[in-house]
N, C-alpha and C. Protein backbone atom coordinates (compact mmCIF):
# COMPACT_ATOMS: atom_id res chain seq x y z
N MET A 1 4.35 -13.71 1.32
CA MET A 1 4.02 -12.62 0.43
C MET A 1 3.92 -13.14 -1.00
N SER A 2 3.24 -12.39 -1.79
CA SER A 2 3.05 -12.76 -3.18
C SER A 2 4.34 -12.51 -3.96
N SER A 3 4.48 -13.18 -5.09
CA SER A 3 5.73 -13.08 -5.85
C SER A 3 5.94 -11.69 -6.45
N PHE A 4 4.89 -10.97 -6.80
CA PHE A 4 5.06 -9.65 -7.39
C PHE A 4 5.53 -8.62 -6.37
N TYR A 5 5.26 -8.86 -5.10
CA TYR A 5 5.60 -7.89 -4.06
C TYR A 5 7.09 -7.64 -3.98
N HIS A 6 7.90 -8.64 -4.26
CA HIS A 6 9.35 -8.51 -4.18
C HIS A 6 9.93 -7.75 -5.36
N MET A 7 9.13 -7.52 -6.39
CA MET A 7 9.59 -6.77 -7.55
C MET A 7 9.38 -5.27 -7.39
N LEU A 8 8.70 -4.85 -6.34
CA LEU A 8 8.43 -3.43 -6.12
C LEU A 8 9.65 -2.74 -5.51
N SER A 9 9.85 -1.49 -5.90
CA SER A 9 10.95 -0.73 -5.30
C SER A 9 10.55 -0.26 -3.90
N ASP A 10 11.52 0.23 -3.17
CA ASP A 10 11.25 0.73 -1.81
C ASP A 10 10.27 1.90 -1.84
N GLU A 11 10.41 2.77 -2.84
CA GLU A 11 9.50 3.92 -2.95
C GLU A 11 8.07 3.45 -3.24
N GLU A 12 7.92 2.48 -4.12
CA GLU A 12 6.59 1.95 -4.43
C GLU A 12 5.96 1.30 -3.20
N ARG A 13 6.75 0.57 -2.43
CA ARG A 13 6.23 -0.04 -1.21
C ARG A 13 5.78 1.02 -0.21
N ARG A 14 6.57 2.08 -0.08
CA ARG A 14 6.23 3.15 0.85
C ARG A 14 4.92 3.83 0.44
N ILE A 15 4.77 4.10 -0.85
CA ILE A 15 3.54 4.72 -1.36
C ILE A 15 2.35 3.79 -1.14
N LEU A 16 2.51 2.53 -1.47
CA LEU A 16 1.42 1.57 -1.29
C LEU A 16 1.00 1.45 0.17
N ARG A 17 1.97 1.41 1.06
CA ARG A 17 1.64 1.32 2.48
C ARG A 17 0.83 2.53 2.93
N LYS A 18 1.22 3.72 2.48
CA LYS A 18 0.47 4.93 2.86
C LYS A 18 -0.94 4.89 2.31
N VAL A 19 -1.10 4.48 1.05
CA VAL A 19 -2.43 4.40 0.44
C VAL A 19 -3.30 3.41 1.20
N VAL A 20 -2.77 2.24 1.48
CA VAL A 20 -3.54 1.20 2.18
C VAL A 20 -3.93 1.68 3.57
N LYS A 21 -2.99 2.32 4.27
CA LYS A 21 -3.29 2.78 5.63
C LYS A 21 -4.34 3.89 5.62
N LYS A 22 -4.27 4.80 4.64
CA LYS A 22 -5.22 5.92 4.60
C LYS A 22 -6.59 5.51 4.07
N VAL A 23 -6.63 4.59 3.14
CA VAL A 23 -7.91 4.22 2.51
C VAL A 23 -8.52 2.97 3.13
N HIS A 24 -7.79 1.89 3.14
CA HIS A 24 -8.34 0.61 3.58
C HIS A 24 -8.41 0.47 5.09
N PHE A 25 -7.51 1.12 5.81
CA PHE A 25 -7.47 0.96 7.26
C PHE A 25 -7.99 2.17 8.02
N LYS A 26 -8.71 3.07 7.36
CA LYS A 26 -9.08 4.31 8.04
C LYS A 26 -10.06 4.10 9.20
N HIS A 27 -10.78 2.99 9.24
CA HIS A 27 -11.72 2.73 10.33
C HIS A 27 -11.19 1.73 11.35
N TYR A 28 -9.94 1.33 11.20
CA TYR A 28 -9.33 0.38 12.12
C TYR A 28 -8.61 1.12 13.24
N PRO A 29 -8.41 0.48 14.38
CA PRO A 29 -7.63 1.11 15.45
C PRO A 29 -6.18 1.36 15.00
N LYS A 30 -5.57 2.39 15.54
CA LYS A 30 -4.21 2.77 15.13
C LYS A 30 -3.19 1.64 15.34
N GLU A 31 -3.36 0.85 16.41
CA GLU A 31 -2.38 -0.21 16.66
C GLU A 31 -2.45 -1.33 15.61
N PHE A 32 -3.54 -1.39 14.83
CA PHE A 32 -3.66 -2.37 13.76
C PHE A 32 -2.99 -1.89 12.48
N CYS A 33 -2.79 -0.62 12.33
CA CYS A 33 -2.27 -0.04 11.09
C CYS A 33 -0.74 -0.07 11.06
N THR A 34 -0.18 -1.24 10.95
CA THR A 34 1.27 -1.41 10.89
C THR A 34 1.70 -1.70 9.46
N ASP A 35 3.00 -1.58 9.21
CA ASP A 35 3.53 -1.91 7.88
C ASP A 35 3.28 -3.37 7.55
N TYR A 36 3.40 -4.23 8.55
CA TYR A 36 3.18 -5.66 8.33
C TYR A 36 1.75 -5.93 7.85
N GLU A 37 0.77 -5.33 8.50
CA GLU A 37 -0.63 -5.51 8.10
C GLU A 37 -0.89 -4.90 6.73
N ALA A 38 -0.27 -3.76 6.44
CA ALA A 38 -0.41 -3.14 5.12
C ALA A 38 0.20 -4.04 4.05
N ASP A 39 1.34 -4.64 4.35
CA ASP A 39 1.98 -5.56 3.40
C ASP A 39 1.10 -6.78 3.12
N LYS A 40 0.45 -7.28 4.15
CA LYS A 40 -0.47 -8.42 3.94
C LYS A 40 -1.63 -8.02 3.05
N MET A 41 -2.16 -6.82 3.23
CA MET A 41 -3.26 -6.34 2.39
C MET A 41 -2.79 -6.16 0.95
N ILE A 42 -1.61 -5.61 0.77
CA ILE A 42 -1.06 -5.41 -0.58
C ILE A 42 -0.89 -6.75 -1.28
N ALA A 43 -0.39 -7.75 -0.58
CA ALA A 43 -0.20 -9.07 -1.18
C ALA A 43 -1.53 -9.71 -1.54
N ALA A 44 -2.57 -9.39 -0.79
CA ALA A 44 -3.88 -10.00 -1.03
C ALA A 44 -4.64 -9.37 -2.19
N ILE A 45 -4.38 -8.09 -2.49
CA ILE A 45 -5.21 -7.43 -3.51
C ILE A 45 -4.76 -7.71 -4.94
N GLY A 46 -3.54 -8.15 -5.14
CA GLY A 46 -3.12 -8.57 -6.47
C GLY A 46 -2.36 -7.51 -7.24
N PRO A 47 -1.60 -7.95 -8.23
CA PRO A 47 -0.71 -7.04 -8.96
C PRO A 47 -1.42 -5.98 -9.80
N GLU A 48 -2.58 -6.29 -10.36
CA GLU A 48 -3.28 -5.31 -11.18
C GLU A 48 -3.73 -4.12 -10.36
N VAL A 49 -4.27 -4.40 -9.20
CA VAL A 49 -4.74 -3.34 -8.31
C VAL A 49 -3.56 -2.57 -7.73
N VAL A 50 -2.47 -3.26 -7.46
CA VAL A 50 -1.28 -2.61 -6.91
C VAL A 50 -0.77 -1.56 -7.88
N GLN A 51 -0.71 -1.88 -9.16
CA GLN A 51 -0.23 -0.91 -10.15
C GLN A 51 -1.13 0.32 -10.20
N THR A 52 -2.43 0.11 -10.08
CA THR A 52 -3.38 1.23 -10.05
C THR A 52 -3.17 2.08 -8.80
N LEU A 53 -2.98 1.45 -7.65
CA LEU A 53 -2.76 2.19 -6.41
C LEU A 53 -1.45 2.98 -6.44
N ILE A 54 -0.42 2.41 -7.02
CA ILE A 54 0.85 3.13 -7.15
C ILE A 54 0.66 4.36 -8.01
N ARG A 55 -0.03 4.20 -9.15
CA ARG A 55 -0.26 5.33 -10.05
C ARG A 55 -1.07 6.42 -9.35
N LEU A 56 -2.13 6.03 -8.67
CA LEU A 56 -2.95 7.01 -7.96
C LEU A 56 -2.18 7.67 -6.82
N GLY A 57 -1.39 6.90 -6.11
CA GLY A 57 -0.58 7.46 -5.03
C GLY A 57 0.40 8.51 -5.53
N LYS A 58 1.00 8.24 -6.68
CA LYS A 58 1.95 9.19 -7.26
C LYS A 58 1.21 10.41 -7.84
N ASP A 59 0.09 10.17 -8.52
CA ASP A 59 -0.68 11.28 -9.11
C ASP A 59 -1.20 12.25 -8.06
N PHE A 60 -1.68 11.71 -6.94
CA PHE A 60 -2.24 12.55 -5.88
C PHE A 60 -1.21 12.91 -4.81
N ARG A 61 0.04 12.53 -5.05
CA ARG A 61 1.15 12.84 -4.15
C ARG A 61 0.82 12.49 -2.70
N ILE A 62 0.37 11.28 -2.53
CA ILE A 62 -0.04 10.83 -1.19
C ILE A 62 1.14 10.75 -0.24
N ASP A 63 2.35 10.61 -0.77
CA ASP A 63 3.52 10.54 0.10
C ASP A 63 3.86 11.90 0.72
N ASN A 64 3.26 12.97 0.22
CA ASN A 64 3.48 14.30 0.78
C ASN A 64 2.40 14.70 1.78
N ILE A 65 1.39 13.86 1.94
CA ILE A 65 0.29 14.18 2.86
C ILE A 65 0.68 13.81 4.26
């Protein structure tokens, strides 16, 4: 994993995983949409994009969907 990933709180990781699963993995089979695969995607997209996704996830309350 990337070095910035370990600086995220548990809530931020949970929000990011939901965003990645709903947006990036929406056309993938359900068995592919695991937390491990979401974590790999989060590590690959970089810290700048992660901060944007966290903000959008909180603004749109994606954790309540």
